[in-house]
PDB file of N, CA and C in Angstrom:
ATOM      1  N   MET A   1      -0.389  14.888  13.966  1.00  0.00           N
ATOM      2  CA  MET A   1      -1.609  15.042  13.540  1.00  0.00           C
ATOM      3  C   MET A   1      -2.399  13.555  13.808  1.00  0.00           C
ATOM      4  N   ASP A   2      -3.875  13.914  13.833  1.00  0.00           N
ATOM      5  CA  ASP A   2      -4.874  13.655  13.896  1.00  0.00           C
ATOM      6  C   ASP A   2      -6.107  13.510  12.707  1.00  0.00           C
ATOM      7  N   GLY A   3      -6.827  12.866  11.902  1.00  0.00           N
ATOM      8  CA  GLY A   3      -7.212  12.535  11.135  1.00  0.00           C
ATOM      9  C   GLY A   3      -6.874  12.000   9.404  1.00  0.00           C
ATOM     10  N   VAL A   4      -6.758  12.749   8.414  1.00  0.00           N
ATOM     11  CA  VAL A   4      -6.392  12.509   7.181  1.00  0.00           C
ATOM     12  C   VAL A   4      -5.244  13.630   7.091  1.00  0.00           C
ATOM     13  N   GLY A   5      -4.429  13.195   6.612  1.00  0.00           N
ATOM     14  CA  GLY A   5      -3.474  14.249   5.654  1.00  0.00           C
ATOM     15  C   GLY A   5      -1.995  13.031   4.992  1.00  0.00           C
ATOM     16  N   VAL A   6      -1.289  13.886   4.553  1.00  0.00           N
ATOM     17  CA  VAL A   6      -0.107  13.210   3.511  1.00  0.00           C
ATOM     18  C   VAL A   6       1.254  13.682   4.258  1.00  0.00           C
ATOM     19  N   PHE A   7       1.948  12.445   3.729  1.00  0.00           N
ATOM     20  CA  PHE A   7       3.133  12.745   4.400  1.00  0.00           C
ATOM     21  C   PHE A   7       4.140  11.895   3.498  1.00  0.00           C
ATOM     22  N   THR A   8       5.764  13.417   3.257  1.00  0.00           N
ATOM     23  CA  THR A   8       6.020  12.428   2.262  1.00  0.00           C
ATOM     24  C   THR A   8       7.645  12.531   2.923  1.00  0.00           C
ATOM     25  N   ARG A   9       8.497  10.945   3.218  1.00  0.00           N
ATOM     26  CA  ARG A   9       9.759  11.440   3.661  1.00  0.00           C
ATOM     27  C   ARG A   9      10.763  11.704   2.438  1.00  0.00           C
ATOM     28  N   ASP A  10      11.326  11.458   2.793  1.00  0.00           N
ATOM     29  CA  ASP A  10      12.847  12.072   2.032  1.00  0.00           C
ATOM     30  C   ASP A  10      13.439  11.171   0.710  1.00  0.00           C
ATOM     31  N   ASP A  11      13.003  10.224   0.804  1.00  0.00           N
ATOM     32  CA  ASP A  11      13.444   9.101  -0.144  1.00  0.00           C
ATOM     33  C   ASP A  11      12.318   8.974  -0.802  1.00  0.00           C
ATOM     34  N   GLY A  12      11.088   9.595  -0.830  1.00  0.00           N
ATOM     35  CA  GLY A  12       9.791   9.977  -1.655  1.00  0.00           C
ATOM     36  C   GLY A  12       9.167   8.515  -1.531  1.00  0.00           C
ATOM     37  N   LEU A  13       9.088   8.005  -0.141  1.00  0.00           N
ATOM     38  CA  LEU A  13       8.136   7.624   0.054  1.00  0.00           C
ATOM     39  C   LEU A  13       7.031   8.099   0.450  1.00  0.00           C
ATOM     40  N   LYS A  14       5.410   8.193   0.103  1.00  0.00           N
ATOM     41  CA  LYS A  14       3.885   9.251  -0.246  1.00  0.00           C
ATOM     42  C   LYS A  14       3.221   8.150   1.006  1.00  0.00           C
ATOM     43  N   TYR A  15       2.931   8.782   1.825  1.00  0.00           N
ATOM     44  CA  TYR A  15       1.905   8.239   2.339  1.00  0.00           C
ATOM     45  C   TYR A  15      -0.066   9.181   2.091  1.00  0.00           C
ATOM     46  N   GLU A  16      -0.619   8.716   2.042  1.00  0.00           N
ATOM     47  CA  GLU A  16      -2.096   9.313   1.794  1.00  0.00           C
ATOM     48  C   GLU A  16      -3.120   8.908   2.628  1.00  0.00           C
ATOM     49  N   GLY A  17      -3.327   9.579   4.202  1.00  0.00           N
ATOM     50  CA  GLY A  17      -4.713   8.519   4.665  1.00  0.00           C
ATOM     51  C   GLY A  17      -4.746   8.980   5.919  1.00  0.00           C
ATOM     52  N   GLU A  18      -5.114   7.972   6.775  1.00  0.00           N
ATOM     53  CA  GLU A  18      -5.316   8.954   8.477  1.00  0.00           C
ATOM     54  C   GLU A  18      -4.357   8.518   9.226  1.00  0.00           C
ATOM     55  N   PHE A  19      -4.353   9.198   9.726  1.00  0.00           N
ATOM     56  CA  PHE A  19      -3.136   8.949  10.631  1.00  0.00           C
ATOM     57  C   PHE A  19      -3.725   9.431  12.521  1.00  0.00           C
ATOM     58  N   GLN A  20      -3.201   8.735  13.483  1.00  0.00           N
ATOM     59  CA  GLN A  20      -3.800   9.253  15.322  1.00  0.00           C
ATOM     60  C   GLN A  20      -2.346   9.310  15.816  1.00  0.00           C
ATOM     61  N   CYS A  21      -1.951  10.620  16.344  1.00  0.00           N
ATOM     62  CA  CYS A  21      -1.350  10.808  16.705  1.00  0.00           C
ATOM     63  C   CYS A  21      -0.090  10.850  16.406  1.00  0.00           C
ATOM     64  N   ASN A  22       0.124  11.637  14.747  1.00  0.00           N
ATOM     65  CA  ASN A  22       1.021  11.254  13.738  1.00  0.00           C
ATOM     66  C   ASN A  22       1.566  10.411  13.415  1.00  0.00           C
ATOM     67  N   VAL A  23       1.149   9.334  13.734  1.00  0.00           N
ATOM     68  CA  VAL A  23       1.724   8.085  12.945  1.00  0.00           C
ATOM     69  C   VAL A  23       0.273   7.255  11.687  1.00  0.00           C
ATOM     70  N   PRO A  24       0.826   7.277  10.992  1.00  0.00           N
ATOM     71  CA  PRO A  24      -0.524   6.580   9.661  1.00  0.00           C
ATOM     72  C   PRO A  24      -1.350   5.240  10.575  1.00  0.00           C
ATOM     73  N   MET A  25      -2.420   5.323  10.579  1.00  0.00           N
ATOM     74  CA  MET A  25      -2.850   4.214  10.862  1.00  0.00           C
ATOM     75  C   MET A  25      -4.846   4.325  10.352  1.00  0.00           C
ATOM     76  N   GLY A  26      -5.353   3.454  10.231  1.00  0.00           N
ATOM     77  CA  GLY A  26      -6.394   3.231  10.058  1.00  0.00           C
ATOM     78  C   GLY A  26      -6.461   3.126   7.981  1.00  0.00           C
ATOM     79  N   LYS A  27      -7.539   3.738   7.123  1.00  0.00           N
ATOM     80  CA  LYS A  27      -6.874   3.201   5.633  1.00  0.00           C
ATOM     81  C   LYS A  27      -5.970   4.804   5.370  1.00  0.00           C
ATOM     82  N   GLY A  28      -4.926   3.692   3.963  1.00  0.00           N
ATOM     83  CA  GLY A  28      -4.224   4.465   3.455  1.00  0.00           C
ATOM     84  C   GLY A  28      -4.099   3.907   2.328  1.00  0.00           C
ATOM     85  N   THR A  29      -2.716   5.325   1.655  1.00  0.00           N
ATOM     86  CA  THR A  29      -2.306   4.794  -0.034  1.00  0.00           C
ATOM     87  C   THR A  29      -1.044   5.380   0.362  1.00  0.00           C
ATOM     88  N   TYR A  30      -0.224   3.869   0.635  1.00  0.00           N
ATOM     89  CA  TYR A  30       1.394   4.247   0.164  1.00  0.00           C
ATOM     90  C   TYR A  30       1.305   4.260  -1.291  1.00  0.00           C
ATOM     91  N   THR A  31       2.901   5.267  -1.954  1.00  0.00           N
ATOM     92  CA  THR A  31       3.294   5.539  -3.404  1.00  0.00           C
ATOM     93  C   THR A  31       5.054   5.374  -3.148  1.00  0.00           C
ATOM     94  N   TRP A  32       5.164   4.800  -3.803  1.00  0.00           N
ATOM     95  CA  TRP A  32       6.936   4.238  -3.937  1.00  0.00           C
ATOM     96  C   TRP A  32       7.474   5.009  -5.477  1.00  0.00           C
ATOM     97  N   PRO A  33       8.439   5.636  -4.776  1.00  0.00           N
ATOM     98  CA  PRO A  33       9.193   6.617  -5.878  1.00  0.00           C
ATOM     99  C   PRO A  33       9.610   5.532  -6.654  1.00  0.00           C
ATOM    100  N   ASP A  34       9.043   4.187  -7.258  1.00  0.00           N
ATOM    101  CA  ASP A  34       9.266   3.613  -8.394  1.00  0.00           C
ATOM    102  C   ASP A  34       7.915   3.538  -9.255  1.00  0.00           C
ATOM    103  N   GLY A  35       6.914   3.961  -8.145  1.00  0.00           N
ATOM    104  CA  GLY A  35       5.311   4.169  -8.566  1.00  0.00           C
ATOM    105  C   GLY A  35       4.974   3.189  -8.129  1.00  0.00           C
ATOM    106  N   SER A  36       5.328   1.967  -7.674  1.00  0.00           N
ATOM    107  CA  SER A  36       4.515   0.917  -6.973  1.00  0.00           C
ATOM    108  C   SER A  36       3.877   1.528  -5.686  1.00  0.00           C
ATOM    109  N   SER A  37       2.536   0.913  -5.338  1.00  0.00           N
ATOM    110  CA  SER A  37       1.732   1.660  -4.161  1.00  0.00           C
ATOM    111  C   SER A  37       0.447   0.435  -4.105  1.00  0.00           C
ATOM    112  N   TYR A  38       0.471   1.079  -2.796  1.00  0.00           N
ATOM    113  CA  TYR A  38      -0.101  -0.038  -1.757  1.00  0.00           C
ATOM    114  C   TYR A  38      -1.341   0.803  -1.030  1.00  0.00           C
ATOM    115  N   GLU A  39      -2.832   0.127  -1.108  1.00  0.00           N
ATOM    116  CA  GLU A  39      -3.972   0.876  -0.739  1.00  0.00           C
ATOM    117  C   GLU A  39      -4.866  -0.311   0.129  1.00  0.00           C
ATOM    118  N   GLY A  40      -4.745  -0.501   1.421  1.00  0.00           N
ATOM    119  CA  GLY A  40      -5.575  -0.825   2.515  1.00  0.00           C
ATOM    120  C   GLY A  40      -4.919  -0.074   3.811  1.00  0.00           C
ATOM    121  N   ASP A  41      -5.523  -1.209   5.173  1.00  0.00           N
ATOM    122  CA  ASP A  41      -5.375  -1.105   6.422  1.00  0.00           C
ATOM    123  C   ASP A  41      -4.104  -0.456   6.328  1.00  0.00           C
ATOM    124  N   VAL A  42      -3.950   0.405   7.470  1.00  0.00           N
ATOM    125  CA  VAL A  42      -2.555   0.085   7.893  1.00  0.00           C
ATOM    126  C   VAL A  42      -2.646   0.285   9.638  1.00  0.00           C
ATOM    127  N   TYR A  43      -1.103  -0.126  10.065  1.00  0.00           N
ATOM    128  CA  TYR A  43      -1.486  -0.009  11.330  1.00  0.00           C
ATOM    129  C   TYR A  43      -0.386   0.170  11.875  1.00  0.00           C
ATOM    130  N   ASN A  44      -0.243   0.937  12.739  1.00  0.00           N
ATOM    131  CA  ASN A  44       1.329   1.544  13.214  1.00  0.00           C
ATOM    132  C   ASN A  44       1.944   2.016  12.381  1.00  0.00           C
ATOM    133  N   ALA A  45       1.953   2.799  10.649  1.00  0.00           N
ATOM    134  CA  ALA A  45       2.703   2.948   9.651  1.00  0.00           C
ATOM    135  C   ALA A  45       3.216   1.930   9.127  1.00  0.00           C
ATOM    136  N   ILE A  46       2.992   0.248   9.239  1.00  0.00           N
ATOM    137  CA  ILE A  46       2.642  -0.809   8.295  1.00  0.00           C
ATOM    138  C   ILE A  46       1.758  -1.476   7.813  1.00  0.00           C
ATOM    139  N   ARG A  47       1.543  -1.785   6.766  1.00  0.00           N
ATOM    140  CA  ARG A  47       0.786  -2.788   6.058  1.00  0.00           C
ATOM    141  C   ARG A  47      -0.161  -3.334   7.064  1.00  0.00           C
ATOM    142  N   HIS A  48      -0.926  -3.632   7.192  1.00  0.00           N
ATOM    143  CA  HIS A  48      -1.827  -4.814   7.815  1.00  0.00           C
ATOM    144  C   HIS A  48      -3.282  -4.945   7.991  1.00  0.00           C
ATOM    145  N   GLY A  49      -3.528  -5.782   7.908  1.00  0.00           N
ATOM    146  CA  GLY A  49      -5.023  -6.039   7.610  1.00  0.00           C
ATOM    147  C   GLY A  49      -5.163  -6.385   6.129  1.00  0.00           C
ATOM    148  N   GLU A  50      -6.504  -5.584   5.621  1.00  0.00           N
ATOM    149  CA  GLU A  50      -6.783  -6.104   3.845  1.00  0.00           C
ATOM    150  C   GLU A  50      -6.137  -5.486   3.007  1.00  0.00           C
ATOM    151  N   GLY A  51      -5.185  -5.192   2.131  1.00  0.00           N
ATOM    152  CA  GLY A  51      -4.826  -3.717   1.289  1.00  0.00           C
ATOM    153  C   GLY A  51      -4.576  -5.060  -0.196  1.00  0.00           C
ATOM    154  N   LYS A  52      -4.518  -3.880  -1.212  1.00  0.00           N
ATOM    155  CA  LYS A  52      -3.577  -4.452  -2.385  1.00  0.00           C
ATOM    156  C   LYS A  52      -1.922  -3.813  -2.800  1.00  0.00           C
ATOM    157  N   TYR A  53      -1.414  -4.414  -2.998  1.00  0.00           N
ATOM    158  CA  TYR A  53      -0.016  -3.484  -3.134  1.00  0.00           C
ATOM    159  C   TYR A  53      -0.208  -3.939  -5.335  1.00  0.00           C
ATOM    160  N   ILE A  54       0.374  -2.929  -5.625  1.00  0.00           N
ATOM    161  CA  ILE A  54       0.510  -3.031  -7.738  1.00  0.00           C
ATOM    162  C   ILE A  54       2.288  -2.482  -7.772  1.00  0.00           C
ATOM    163  N   TYR A  55       2.577  -3.111  -7.874  1.00  0.00           N
ATOM    164  CA  TYR A  55       3.585  -3.621  -8.309  1.00  0.00           C
ATOM    165  C   TYR A  55       4.141  -2.970  -9.916  1.00  0.00           C
ATOM    166  N   SER A  56       5.101  -1.906 -10.332  1.00  0.00           N
ATOM    167  CA  SER A  56       5.203  -0.793 -11.233  1.00  0.00           C
ATOM    168  C   SER A  56       6.261  -1.239 -12.279  1.00  0.00           C
ATOM    169  N   THR A  57       6.669  -2.587 -11.936  1.00  0.00           N
ATOM    170  CA  THR A  57       7.701  -2.917 -13.120  1.00  0.00           C
ATOM    171  C   THR A  57       7.385  -4.739 -13.419  1.00  0.00           C
ATOM    172  N   ASN A  58       6.068  -5.156 -13.334  1.00  0.00           N
ATOM    173  CA  ASN A  58       5.941  -6.205 -13.904  1.00  0.00           C
ATOM    174  C   ASN A  58       4.137  -6.837 -14.443  1.00  0.00           C
ATOM    175  N   ASN A  59       3.519  -5.560 -13.945  1.00  0.00           N
ATOM    176  CA  ASN A  59       1.820  -5.899 -14.322  1.00  0.00           C
ATOM    177  C   ASN A  59       1.535  -6.824 -12.964  1.00  0.00           C
ATOM    178  N   VAL A  60       1.941  -6.819 -11.948  1.00  0.00           N
ATOM    179  CA  VAL A  60       1.051  -8.042 -11.269  1.00  0.00           C
ATOM    180  C   VAL A  60       0.921  -7.198 -10.366  1.00  0.00           C
ATOM    181  N   THR A  61      -0.723  -7.300  -9.723  1.00  0.00           N
ATOM    182  CA  THR A  61      -1.396  -6.610  -8.700  1.00  0.00           C
ATOM    183  C   THR A  61      -1.455  -7.981  -7.775  1.00  0.00           C
ATOM    184  N   TYR A  62      -1.317  -8.037  -6.104  1.00  0.00           N
ATOM    185  CA  TYR A  62      -1.563  -8.933  -5.117  1.00  0.00           C
ATOM    186  C   TYR A  62      -2.874  -7.939  -4.053  1.00  0.00           C
ATOM    187  N   GLN A  63      -3.725  -9.042  -3.988  1.00  0.00           N
ATOM    188  CA  GLN A  63      -4.985  -8.540  -3.339  1.00  0.00           C
ATOM    189  C   GLN A  63      -5.308  -8.801  -1.754  1.00  0.00           C
ATOM    190  N   GLY A  64      -4.725  -8.912  -1.006  1.00  0.00           N
ATOM    191  CA  GLY A  64      -5.074 -10.225   0.207  1.00  0.00           C
ATOM    192  C   GLY A  64      -4.549  -8.887   1.447  1.00  0.00           C
ATOM    193  N   GLN A  65      -4.395 -10.089   2.421  1.00  0.00           N
ATOM    194  CA  GLN A  65      -4.216 -10.338   4.266  1.00  0.00           C
ATOM    195  C   GLN A  65      -3.103  -9.564   4.135  1.00  0.00           C
ATOM    196  N   TRP A  66      -2.863  -8.881   5.071  1.00  0.00           N
ATOM    197  CA  TRP A  66      -1.179  -8.585   5.481  1.00  0.00           C
ATOM    198  C   TRP A  66      -1.093  -8.782   6.439  1.00  0.00           C
ATOM    199  N   TYR A  67       0.007  -9.332   7.378  1.00  0.00           N
ATOM    200  CA  TYR A  67       0.129  -9.694   8.822  1.00  0.00           C
ATOM    201  C   TYR A  67       2.274  -8.790   9.183  1.00  0.00           C
ATOM    202  N   GLU A  68       1.449  -7.451   9.487  1.00  0.00           N
ATOM    203  CA  GLU A  68       3.207  -6.749  10.504  1.00  0.00           C
ATOM    204  C   GLU A  68       3.923  -6.364   8.792  1.00  0.00           C
ATOM    205  N   GLY A  69       3.314  -6.094   7.432  1.00  0.00           N
ATOM    206  CA  GLY A  69       3.970  -5.563   6.447  1.00  0.00           C
ATOM    207  C   GLY A  69       4.120  -6.776   5.697  1.00  0.00           C
ATOM    208  N   VAL A  70       3.907  -8.234   5.463  1.00  0.00           N
ATOM    209  CA  VAL A  70       4.344  -9.443   5.409  1.00  0.00           C
ATOM    210  C   VAL A  70       2.573  -9.808   4.735  1.00  0.00           C
ATOM    211  N   MET A  71       2.752 -10.351   3.382  1.00  0.00           N
ATOM    212  CA  MET A  71       1.805 -10.676   2.420  1.00  0.00           C
ATOM    213  C   MET A  71       1.199 -12.220   3.288  1.00  0.00           C
ATOM    214  N   HIS A  72       0.014 -12.459   3.403  1.00  0.00           N
ATOM    215  CA  HIS A  72      -0.440 -13.318   4.724  1.00  0.00           C
ATOM    216  C   HIS A  72      -1.715 -13.468   4.747  1.00  0.00           C
ATOM    217  N   GLY A  73      -1.906 -15.129   4.463  1.00  0.00           N
ATOM    218  CA  GLY A  73      -3.407 -15.690   4.878  1.00  0.00           C
ATOM    219  C   GLY A  73      -3.891 -15.656   3.476  1.00  0.00           C
ATOM    220  N   LYS A  74      -5.435 -15.241   3.403  1.00  0.00           N
ATOM    221  CA  LYS A  74      -5.862 -15.940   1.700  1.00  0.00           C
ATOM    222  C   LYS A  74      -4.816 -14.478   0.790  1.00  0.00           C
ATOM    223  N   VAL A  75      -4.950 -15.160  -0.220  1.00  0.00           N
ATOM    224  CA  VAL A  75      -4.424 -14.077  -1.404  1.00  0.00           C
ATOM    225  C   VAL A  75      -4.940 -14.008  -2.755  1.00  0.00           C
ATOM    226  N   GLY A  76      -4.832 -13.013  -3.374  1.00  0.00           N
ATOM    227  CA  GLY A  76      -4.961 -13.610  -4.922  1.00  0.00           C
ATOM    228  C   GLY A  76      -3.881 -12.222  -5.402  1.00  0.00           C
ATOM    229  N   PHE A  77      -3.876 -12.995  -6.832  1.00  0.00           N
ATOM    230  CA  PHE A  77      -2.558 -12.228  -7.983  1.00  0.00           C
ATOM    231  C   PHE A  77      -3.222 -12.811  -9.314  1.00  0.00           C
ATOM    232  N   ASN A  78      -3.311 -11.212  -9.660  1.00  0.00           N
ATOM    233  CA  ASN A  78      -3.917 -10.541 -10.799  1.00  0.00           C
ATOM    234  C   ASN A  78      -2.639 -10.123 -11.688  1.00  0.00           C
ATOM    235  N   LEU A  79      -2.403 -10.748 -13.255  1.00  0.00           N
ATOM    236  CA  LEU A  79      -1.132 -10.395 -13.864  1.00  0.00           C
ATOM    237  C   LEU A  79      -1.935  -9.889 -15.431  1.00  0.00           C
ATOM    238  N   THR A  80      -1.596  -8.908 -15.564  1.00  0.00           N
ATOM    239  CA  THR A  80      -1.824  -8.318 -16.725  1.00  0.00           C
ATOM    240  C   THR A  80      -1.227  -8.221 -17.831  1.00  0.00           C
ATOM    241  N   VAL A  81      -1.154  -8.668 -18.719  1.00  0.00           N
ATOM    242  CA  VAL A  81      -0.270  -8.411 -19.956  1.00  0.00           C
ATOM    243  C   VAL A  81      -0.702  -8.258 -21.149  1.00  0.00           C
ATOM    244  N   PRO A  82      -0.521  -7.122 -21.514  1.00  0.00           N
ATOM    245  CA  PRO A  82      -0.900  -6.188 -22.867  1.00  0.00           C
ATOM    246  C   PRO A  82      -1.138  -7.722 -23.801  1.00  0.00           C
ATOM    247  N   LEU A  83      -1.824  -7.439 -24.753  1.00  0.00           N
ATOM    248  CA  LEU A  83      -2.269  -7.916 -25.588  1.00  0.00           C
ATOM    249  C   LEU A  83      -1.295  -7.114 -26.998  1.00  0.00           C
ATOM    250  N   LYS A  84      -0.631  -7.943 -28.363  1.00  0.00           N
ATOM    251  CA  LYS A  84      -0.032  -8.040 -29.330  1.00  0.00           C
ATOM    252  C   LYS A  84      -0.608  -8.572 -30.353  1.00  0.00           C
ATOM    253  N   CYS A  85      -1.000  -7.236 -31.086  1.00  0.00           N
ATOM    254  CA  CYS A  85      -1.261  -7.431 -32.678  1.00  0.00           C
ATOM    255  C   CYS A  85      -0.275  -6.873 -33.517  1.00  0.00           C
TER     256      CYS A  85
END
């Protein structure tokens, strides 16, 4: 597949975005079965470049650089804490 598409693996990991030669490549969004998600640059099906990862379990968002699937370089974390009255 070349162009934009959607692919869901048997384990529930879903990718929506650009493909080149059947490989996720370009801009895309990964969504894991636990609700965590990544939106940003993808190279050879790996998070690589600029992107945002949202953890589903602890209200933390990572925005920054990725290198071969690993957080790398300049980073920014955001913690959202719900207010209790």
